[in-house]
Amino acid sequence: MKKWLWFSISLLVVILDQLTKWAAETYLLPYQPYPVMPLFNLTLSYNTGAAFGFLNHAGAWHRWFFGAISGIMSLVFIVWMLRLPIKSRLQLAALSFLLGGTVGNLIDRWFFDHVIDFVDLYYQHHHFAVFNLADSAICLGAFLLLLDHKAAL
């Protein structure tokens, strides 16, 4: 698989992430749960902080801070992917998801000053933090990177 195909996976993650966020904003009311099935709601919310709402109400400084971190990490992922041998497929897949998820959330921060979230998983009255497709891609990428590291040991 050529490296441009790995970058196209990142682009696909960004496109799907932005489309799902657009749909959430178009069809959902903010902070009103829409039940889909047991344990799963669609709930439009806005996150001005880091992952899972960390530092959500910390002030305006964090927009620039998290935006800068996302931009720097995107560049790190790109350089890392370019330097990897083509046979490092698991690591390239991991970095593709990490890059796509990071850029997806960076777009939100840049244009809206917040990240759009809508996936709400819960059990009884205990809700996990609301998240989005980009967050899922980042988690999948991190898991694959750990899996690759474990396989190398």
N, C-alpha and C. Protein backbone atom coordinates (compact mmCIF):
# COMPACT_ATOMS: atom_id res chain seq x y z
N MET A 1 0.86 -1.18 0.00
CA MET A 1 0.00 0.00 0.00
C MET A 1 0.90 1.24 0.00
N LYS A 2 0.67 2.13 -0.91
CA LYS A 2 1.46 3.34 -1.00
C LYS A 2 1.09 4.29 0.14
N LYS A 3 2.04 5.17 0.48
CA LYS A 3 1.81 6.07 1.63
C LYS A 3 0.65 7.03 1.40
N TRP A 4 0.41 7.43 0.16
CA TRP A 4 -0.70 8.36 -0.06
C TRP A 4 -2.03 7.72 0.32
N LEU A 5 -2.10 6.39 0.27
CA LEU A 5 -3.33 5.71 0.69
C LEU A 5 -3.54 5.84 2.20
N TRP A 6 -2.45 5.84 2.96
CA TRP A 6 -2.56 6.02 4.41
C TRP A 6 -3.04 7.43 4.73
N PHE A 7 -2.54 8.41 3.97
CA PHE A 7 -3.01 9.77 4.16
C PHE A 7 -4.46 9.93 3.72
N SER A 8 -4.89 9.14 2.74
CA SER A 8 -6.29 9.21 2.32
C SER A 8 -7.21 8.66 3.41
N ILE A 9 -6.72 7.72 4.21
CA ILE A 9 -7.51 7.24 5.36
C ILE A 9 -7.72 8.39 6.34
N SER A 10 -6.66 9.16 6.58
CA SER A 10 -6.78 10.33 7.46
C SER A 10 -7.80 11.31 6.91
N LEU A 11 -7.74 11.56 5.62
CA LEU A 11 -8.68 12.48 4.98
C LEU A 11 -10.11 11.95 5.09
N LEU A 12 -10.31 10.66 4.91
CA LEU A 12 -11.63 10.06 5.04
C LEU A 12 -12.16 10.24 6.47
N VAL A 13 -11.30 10.06 7.47
CA VAL A 13 -11.72 10.27 8.86
C VAL A 13 -12.16 11.72 9.06
N VAL A 14 -11.40 12.67 8.52
CA VAL A 14 -11.75 14.09 8.66
C VAL A 14 -13.10 14.36 7.98
N ILE A 15 -13.30 13.86 6.78
CA ILE A 15 -14.55 14.10 6.05
C ILE A 15 -15.74 13.50 6.80
N LEU A 16 -15.62 12.24 7.22
CA LEU A 16 -16.72 11.60 7.95
C LEU A 16 -16.99 12.31 9.28
N ASP A 17 -15.92 12.72 9.95
CA ASP A 17 -16.07 13.44 11.22
C ASP A 17 -16.84 14.74 11.00
N GLN A 18 -16.45 15.51 10.01
CA GLN A 18 -17.10 16.79 9.75
C GLN A 18 -18.55 16.60 9.28
N LEU A 19 -18.80 15.58 8.48
CA LEU A 19 -20.18 15.30 8.04
C LEU A 19 -21.08 14.91 9.20
N THR A 20 -20.58 14.08 10.10
CA THR A 20 -21.40 13.66 11.24
C THR A 20 -21.63 14.83 12.20
N LYS A 21 -20.64 15.70 12.34
CA LYS A 21 -20.83 16.88 13.20
C LYS A 21 -21.84 17.84 12.57
N TRP A 22 -21.78 17.99 11.26
CA TRP A 22 -22.75 18.83 10.56
C TRP A 22 -24.16 18.27 10.76
N ALA A 23 -24.31 16.95 10.61
CA ALA A 23 -25.61 16.32 10.79
C ALA A 23 -26.10 16.49 12.23
N ALA A 24 -25.22 16.35 13.19
CA ALA A 24 -25.61 16.53 14.59
C ALA A 24 -26.11 17.95 14.83
N GLU A 25 -25.39 18.93 14.30
CA GLU A 25 -25.82 20.32 14.49
C GLU A 25 -27.10 20.64 13.73
N THR A 26 -27.32 19.98 12.62
CA THR A 26 -28.50 20.24 11.79
C THR A 26 -29.76 19.61 12.38
N TYR A 27 -29.64 18.40 12.93
CA TYR A 27 -30.83 17.65 13.31
C TYR A 27 -31.05 17.50 14.82
N LEU A 28 -30.07 17.89 15.63
CA LEU A 28 -30.21 17.73 17.08
C LEU A 28 -30.27 19.08 17.77
N LEU A 29 -31.00 19.14 18.87
CA LEU A 29 -31.01 20.33 19.71
C LEU A 29 -29.91 20.20 20.75
N PRO A 30 -29.21 21.28 21.05
CA PRO A 30 -28.12 21.19 22.04
C PRO A 30 -28.59 20.64 23.38
N TYR A 31 -27.84 19.69 23.87
CA TYR A 31 -28.01 19.10 25.21
C TYR A 31 -29.35 18.40 25.42
N GLN A 32 -30.04 18.04 24.34
CA GLN A 32 -31.29 17.29 24.42
C GLN A 32 -31.03 15.88 23.91
N PRO A 33 -31.05 14.87 24.78
CA PRO A 33 -30.77 13.50 24.33
C PRO A 33 -31.82 12.98 23.35
N TYR A 34 -31.35 12.32 22.33
CA TYR A 34 -32.21 11.64 21.38
C TYR A 34 -31.90 10.15 21.49
N PRO A 35 -32.76 9.36 22.12
CA PRO A 35 -32.48 7.94 22.32
C PRO A 35 -32.40 7.18 20.99
N VAL A 36 -31.35 6.41 20.82
CA VAL A 36 -31.16 5.59 19.62
C VAL A 36 -31.42 4.14 19.95
N MET A 37 -30.85 3.69 21.04
CA MET A 37 -31.03 2.33 21.53
C MET A 37 -30.58 2.32 22.99
N PRO A 38 -30.89 1.26 23.72
CA PRO A 38 -30.44 1.22 25.11
C PRO A 38 -28.92 1.43 25.20
N LEU A 39 -28.52 2.26 26.12
CA LEU A 39 -27.12 2.60 26.40
C LEU A 39 -26.53 3.61 25.43
N PHE A 40 -27.31 4.11 24.46
CA PHE A 40 -26.78 5.00 23.43
C PHE A 40 -27.77 6.08 23.05
N ASN A 41 -27.38 7.34 23.27
CA ASN A 41 -28.15 8.50 22.85
C ASN A 41 -27.31 9.32 21.88
N LEU A 42 -27.97 10.12 21.09
CA LEU A 42 -27.31 11.20 20.36
C LEU A 42 -27.63 12.47 21.14
N THR A 43 -26.60 13.18 21.58
CA THR A 43 -26.77 14.39 22.37
C THR A 43 -25.76 15.43 21.90
N LEU A 44 -26.23 16.47 21.25
CA LEU A 44 -25.35 17.51 20.76
C LEU A 44 -24.80 18.31 21.93
N SER A 45 -23.48 18.41 21.99
CA SER A 45 -22.85 19.24 23.03
C SER A 45 -21.60 19.88 22.46
N TYR A 46 -21.12 20.88 23.17
CA TYR A 46 -19.97 21.64 22.72
C TYR A 46 -18.89 21.58 23.80
N ASN A 47 -17.69 21.20 23.38
CA ASN A 47 -16.57 21.03 24.30
C ASN A 47 -15.51 22.09 23.99
N THR A 48 -15.29 22.99 24.93
CA THR A 48 -14.25 23.99 24.74
C THR A 48 -12.93 23.55 25.38
N GLY A 49 -12.95 22.41 26.04
CA GLY A 49 -11.74 21.92 26.71
C GLY A 49 -11.04 20.84 25.92
N ALA A 50 -10.36 19.97 26.66
CA ALA A 50 -9.62 18.86 26.05
C ALA A 50 -10.52 17.64 26.00
N ALA A 51 -9.90 16.49 25.86
CA ALA A 51 -10.64 15.24 25.75
C ALA A 51 -11.59 15.05 26.93
N PHE A 52 -12.81 14.65 26.62
CA PHE A 52 -13.84 14.32 27.60
C PHE A 52 -14.17 15.50 28.52
N GLY A 53 -14.03 16.72 28.00
CA GLY A 53 -14.43 17.91 28.74
C GLY A 53 -13.42 18.42 29.75
N PHE A 54 -12.23 17.85 29.79
CA PHE A 54 -11.20 18.32 30.71
C PHE A 54 -10.88 19.79 30.42
N LEU A 55 -10.89 20.63 31.43
CA LEU A 55 -10.66 22.08 31.33
C LEU A 55 -11.71 22.77 30.46
N ASN A 56 -12.92 22.27 30.49
CA ASN A 56 -13.99 22.79 29.63
C ASN A 56 -14.30 24.26 29.91
N HIS A 57 -14.18 24.69 31.14
CA HIS A 57 -14.53 26.08 31.48
C HIS A 57 -13.32 26.82 32.04
N ALA A 58 -12.16 26.60 31.46
CA ALA A 58 -10.92 27.17 31.98
C ALA A 58 -10.64 28.58 31.48
N GLY A 59 -11.38 29.08 30.52
CA GLY A 59 -11.14 30.42 30.00
C GLY A 59 -10.71 30.36 28.54
N ALA A 60 -10.41 31.53 27.98
CA ALA A 60 -10.11 31.63 26.55
C ALA A 60 -8.73 31.12 26.17
N TRP A 61 -7.80 31.07 27.10
CA TRP A 61 -6.43 30.67 26.79
C TRP A 61 -6.34 29.27 26.21
N HIS A 62 -7.23 28.39 26.66
CA HIS A 62 -7.13 26.98 26.25
C HIS A 62 -7.46 26.77 24.78
N ARG A 63 -8.23 27.66 24.16
CA ARG A 63 -8.52 27.52 22.72
C ARG A 63 -7.21 27.53 21.93
N TRP A 64 -6.37 28.50 22.23
CA TRP A 64 -5.10 28.63 21.52
C TRP A 64 -4.14 27.51 21.92
N PHE A 65 -4.15 27.16 23.20
CA PHE A 65 -3.26 26.11 23.69
C PHE A 65 -3.58 24.77 23.03
N PHE A 66 -4.85 24.36 23.07
CA PHE A 66 -5.23 23.07 22.48
C PHE A 66 -5.14 23.10 20.96
N GLY A 67 -5.40 24.25 20.37
CA GLY A 67 -5.22 24.39 18.93
C GLY A 67 -3.76 24.22 18.54
N ALA A 68 -2.86 24.83 19.31
CA ALA A 68 -1.43 24.70 19.03
C ALA A 68 -0.95 23.26 19.21
N ILE A 69 -1.40 22.63 20.28
CA ILE A 69 -1.03 21.23 20.52
C ILE A 69 -1.52 20.35 19.36
N SER A 70 -2.75 20.56 18.93
CA SER A 70 -3.30 19.77 17.81
C SER A 70 -2.52 20.00 16.53
N GLY A 71 -2.17 21.25 16.26
CA GLY A 71 -1.40 21.56 15.07
C GLY A 71 -0.02 20.93 15.09
N ILE A 72 0.65 21.02 16.23
CA ILE A 72 1.99 20.43 16.38
C ILE A 72 1.91 18.92 16.24
N MET A 73 0.94 18.30 16.90
CA MET A 73 0.82 16.84 16.83
C MET A 73 0.47 16.38 15.41
N SER A 74 -0.32 17.14 14.70
CA SER A 74 -0.62 16.80 13.30
C SER A 74 0.67 16.77 12.48
N LEU A 75 1.52 17.77 12.67
CA LEU A 75 2.80 17.79 11.95
C LEU A 75 3.69 16.62 12.36
N VAL A 76 3.69 16.31 13.66
CA VAL A 76 4.48 15.16 14.14
C VAL A 76 3.99 13.87 13.48
N PHE A 77 2.67 13.68 13.41
CA PHE A 77 2.12 12.47 12.79
C PHE A 77 2.48 12.39 11.31
N ILE A 78 2.42 13.52 10.60
CA ILE A 78 2.76 13.54 9.17
C ILE A 78 4.22 13.17 8.95
N VAL A 79 5.12 13.80 9.71
CA VAL A 79 6.56 13.49 9.56
C VAL A 79 6.83 12.04 9.92
N TRP A 80 6.22 11.56 10.99
CA TRP A 80 6.39 10.18 11.43
C TRP A 80 5.95 9.22 10.32
N MET A 81 4.79 9.50 9.73
CA MET A 81 4.29 8.64 8.65
C MET A 81 5.22 8.66 7.44
N LEU A 82 5.73 9.83 7.11
CA LEU A 82 6.63 9.94 5.95
C LEU A 82 7.94 9.19 6.17
N ARG A 83 8.39 9.11 7.40
CA ARG A 83 9.67 8.45 7.70
C ARG A 83 9.54 6.94 7.92
N LEU A 84 8.34 6.47 8.11
CA LEU A 84 8.15 5.03 8.36
C LEU A 84 8.32 4.23 7.08
N PRO A 85 8.90 3.03 7.19
CA PRO A 85 8.91 2.16 6.01
C PRO A 85 7.49 1.71 5.68
N ILE A 86 7.23 1.48 4.42
CA ILE A 86 5.89 1.13 3.94
C ILE A 86 5.39 -0.18 4.55
N LYS A 87 6.31 -1.04 5.00
CA LYS A 87 5.90 -2.32 5.59
C LYS A 87 5.39 -2.18 7.03
N SER A 88 5.50 -1.01 7.63
CA SER A 88 5.01 -0.78 9.00
C SER A 88 3.53 -0.46 8.98
N ARG A 89 2.75 -1.41 8.49
CA ARG A 89 1.33 -1.16 8.24
C ARG A 89 0.51 -0.85 9.48
N LEU A 90 0.74 -1.55 10.56
CA LEU A 90 -0.05 -1.31 11.76
C LEU A 90 0.24 0.08 12.32
N GLN A 91 1.50 0.45 12.32
CA GLN A 91 1.87 1.78 12.81
C GLN A 91 1.34 2.88 11.88
N LEU A 92 1.39 2.64 10.58
CA LEU A 92 0.85 3.61 9.62
C LEU A 92 -0.67 3.73 9.78
N ALA A 93 -1.35 2.63 10.02
CA ALA A 93 -2.80 2.68 10.25
C ALA A 93 -3.10 3.49 11.52
N ALA A 94 -2.34 3.22 12.57
CA ALA A 94 -2.52 3.95 13.83
C ALA A 94 -2.33 5.45 13.62
N LEU A 95 -1.27 5.82 12.94
CA LEU A 95 -0.99 7.23 12.71
C LEU A 95 -2.02 7.88 11.78
N SER A 96 -2.56 7.10 10.85
CA SER A 96 -3.62 7.61 9.97
C SER A 96 -4.85 8.02 10.77
N PHE A 97 -5.25 7.16 11.71
CA PHE A 97 -6.40 7.48 12.54
C PHE A 97 -6.10 8.63 13.50
N LEU A 98 -4.90 8.63 14.07
CA LEU A 98 -4.52 9.73 14.96
C LEU A 98 -4.53 11.07 14.22
N LEU A 99 -3.95 11.09 13.03
CA LEU A 99 -3.90 12.32 12.24
C LEU A 99 -5.31 12.78 11.86
N GLY A 100 -6.13 11.87 11.35
CA GLY A 100 -7.49 12.24 10.96
C GLY A 100 -8.31 12.78 12.12
N GLY A 101 -8.23 12.13 13.26
CA GLY A 101 -8.98 12.59 14.43
C GLY A 101 -8.48 13.92 14.95
N THR A 102 -7.18 14.10 14.97
CA THR A 102 -6.60 15.36 15.44
C THR A 102 -7.00 16.52 14.53
N VAL A 103 -6.91 16.31 13.23
CA VAL A 103 -7.29 17.37 12.29
C VAL A 103 -8.79 17.64 12.36
N GLY A 104 -9.61 16.61 12.51
CA GLY A 104 -11.06 16.81 12.62
C GLY A 104 -11.43 17.72 13.78
N ASN A 105 -10.82 17.50 14.94
CA ASN A 105 -11.10 18.35 16.09
C ASN A 105 -10.44 19.72 15.96
N LEU A 106 -9.29 19.78 15.30
CA LEU A 106 -8.62 21.06 15.07
C LEU A 106 -9.48 21.98 14.20
N ILE A 107 -10.13 21.42 13.20
CA ILE A 107 -11.03 22.21 12.35
C ILE A 107 -12.13 22.85 13.20
N ASP A 108 -12.71 22.08 14.10
CA ASP A 108 -13.75 22.62 14.99
C ASP A 108 -13.22 23.77 15.84
N ARG A 109 -12.07 23.55 16.45
CA ARG A 109 -11.49 24.59 17.30
C ARG A 109 -11.21 25.86 16.51
N TRP A 110 -10.69 25.69 15.30
CA TRP A 110 -10.32 26.84 14.48
C TRP A 110 -11.55 27.65 14.06
N PHE A 111 -12.60 26.97 13.60
CA PHE A 111 -13.75 27.67 13.05
C PHE A 111 -14.84 27.99 14.07
N PHE A 112 -14.95 27.20 15.13
CA PHE A 112 -16.08 27.36 16.05
C PHE A 112 -15.68 27.66 17.50
N ASP A 113 -14.41 27.63 17.83
CA ASP A 113 -13.92 27.85 19.21
C ASP A 113 -14.32 26.73 20.17
N HIS A 114 -14.82 25.62 19.63
CA HIS A 114 -15.18 24.47 20.46
C HIS A 114 -15.23 23.23 19.56
N VAL A 115 -15.27 22.08 20.19
CA VAL A 115 -15.40 20.82 19.45
C VAL A 115 -16.85 20.35 19.59
N ILE A 116 -17.40 19.91 18.48
CA ILE A 116 -18.79 19.44 18.45
C ILE A 116 -18.80 17.95 18.79
N ASP A 117 -19.54 17.59 19.83
CA ASP A 117 -19.67 16.20 20.27
C ASP A 117 -21.14 15.79 20.20
N PHE A 118 -21.38 14.49 20.04
CA PHE A 118 -22.78 14.05 19.94
C PHE A 118 -23.01 12.59 20.33
N VAL A 119 -21.99 11.77 20.52
CA VAL A 119 -22.17 10.37 20.89
C VAL A 119 -22.22 10.28 22.41
N ASP A 120 -23.33 9.81 22.93
CA ASP A 120 -23.57 9.76 24.37
C ASP A 120 -23.84 8.32 24.79
N LEU A 121 -22.85 7.69 25.40
CA LEU A 121 -23.00 6.33 25.92
C LEU A 121 -23.27 6.40 27.41
N TYR A 122 -24.15 5.53 27.88
CA TYR A 122 -24.51 5.57 29.29
C TYR A 122 -24.92 4.19 29.80
N TYR A 123 -24.94 4.06 31.11
CA TYR A 123 -25.49 2.87 31.77
C TYR A 123 -26.33 3.37 32.93
N GLN A 124 -27.59 3.08 32.91
CA GLN A 124 -28.57 3.57 33.88
C GLN A 124 -28.50 5.10 33.91
N HIS A 125 -28.02 5.68 35.00
CA HIS A 125 -27.92 7.15 35.08
C HIS A 125 -26.48 7.63 35.00
N HIS A 126 -25.58 6.76 34.65
CA HIS A 126 -24.15 7.11 34.57
C HIS A 126 -23.76 7.30 33.10
N HIS A 127 -23.47 8.53 32.74
CA HIS A 127 -23.12 8.86 31.36
C HIS A 127 -21.61 9.01 31.22
N PHE A 128 -21.07 8.39 30.18
CA PHE A 128 -19.68 8.62 29.79
C PHE A 128 -19.64 9.99 29.13
N ALA A 129 -18.49 10.60 29.03
CA ALA A 129 -18.39 11.90 28.36
C ALA A 129 -18.89 11.79 26.92
N VAL A 130 -19.57 12.82 26.45
CA VAL A 130 -20.06 12.86 25.07
C VAL A 130 -18.85 13.07 24.16
N PHE A 131 -18.81 12.34 23.04
CA PHE A 131 -17.65 12.42 22.16
C PHE A 131 -18.08 12.39 20.71
N ASN A 132 -17.13 12.32 19.78
CA ASN A 132 -17.43 12.37 18.35
C ASN A 132 -16.58 11.35 17.59
N LEU A 133 -16.72 11.33 16.28
CA LEU A 133 -15.98 10.38 15.45
C LEU A 133 -14.47 10.63 15.51
N ALA A 134 -14.06 11.90 15.56
CA ALA A 134 -12.63 12.21 15.65
C ALA A 134 -12.03 11.65 16.93
N ASP A 135 -12.75 11.79 18.05
CA ASP A 135 -12.28 11.22 19.32
C ASP A 135 -12.15 9.71 19.22
N SER A 136 -13.11 9.07 18.56
CA SER A 136 -13.06 7.62 18.38
C SER A 136 -11.85 7.22 17.55
N ALA A 137 -11.57 7.98 16.49
CA ALA A 137 -10.41 7.69 15.64
C ALA A 137 -9.11 7.85 16.42
N ILE A 138 -9.04 8.86 17.27
CA ILE A 138 -7.85 9.07 18.10
C ILE A 138 -7.66 7.89 19.06
N CYS A 139 -8.75 7.45 19.69
CA CYS A 139 -8.66 6.30 20.60
C CYS A 139 -8.26 5.03 19.85
N LEU A 140 -8.83 4.82 18.67
CA LEU A 140 -8.46 3.65 17.87
C LEU A 140 -7.00 3.72 17.46
N GLY A 141 -6.54 4.89 17.03
CA GLY A 141 -5.14 5.06 16.65
C GLY A 141 -4.20 4.80 17.82
N ALA A 142 -4.55 5.30 18.99
CA ALA A 142 -3.71 5.07 20.18
C ALA A 142 -3.67 3.58 20.52
N PHE A 143 -4.83 2.91 20.43
CA PHE A 143 -4.88 1.47 20.69
C PHE A 143 -4.01 0.70 19.70
N LEU A 144 -4.10 1.03 18.42
CA LEU A 144 -3.28 0.35 17.41
C LEU A 144 -1.79 0.61 17.61
N LEU A 145 -1.46 1.80 18.05
CA LEU A 145 -0.05 2.12 18.33
C LEU A 145 0.46 1.29 19.50
N LEU A 146 -0.36 1.14 20.52
CA LEU A 146 0.00 0.29 21.66
C LEU A 146 0.11 -1.18 21.24
N LEU A 147 -0.81 -1.62 20.40
CA LEU A 147 -0.79 -2.98 19.89
C LEU A 147 0.49 -3.23 19.08
N ASP A 148 0.88 -2.26 18.26
CA ASP A 148 2.10 -2.36 17.47
C ASP A 148 3.32 -2.42 18.38
N HIS A 149 3.32 -1.60 19.42
CA HIS A 149 4.44 -1.61 20.37
C HIS A 149 4.52 -2.93 21.11
N LYS A 150 3.38 -3.46 21.49
CA LYS A 150 3.32 -4.75 22.19
C LYS A 150 3.84 -5.87 21.28
N ALA A 151 3.49 -5.81 19.99
CA ALA A 151 3.94 -6.83 19.04
C ALA A 151 5.45 -6.75 18.81
N ALA A 152 6.02 -5.56 18.96
CA ALA A 152 7.46 -5.38 18.74
C ALA A 152 8.28 -5.89 19.91
N LEU A 153 7.64 -6.07 21.08
CA LEU A 153 8.39 -6.52 22.26
C LEU A 153 8.72 -7.97 22.24
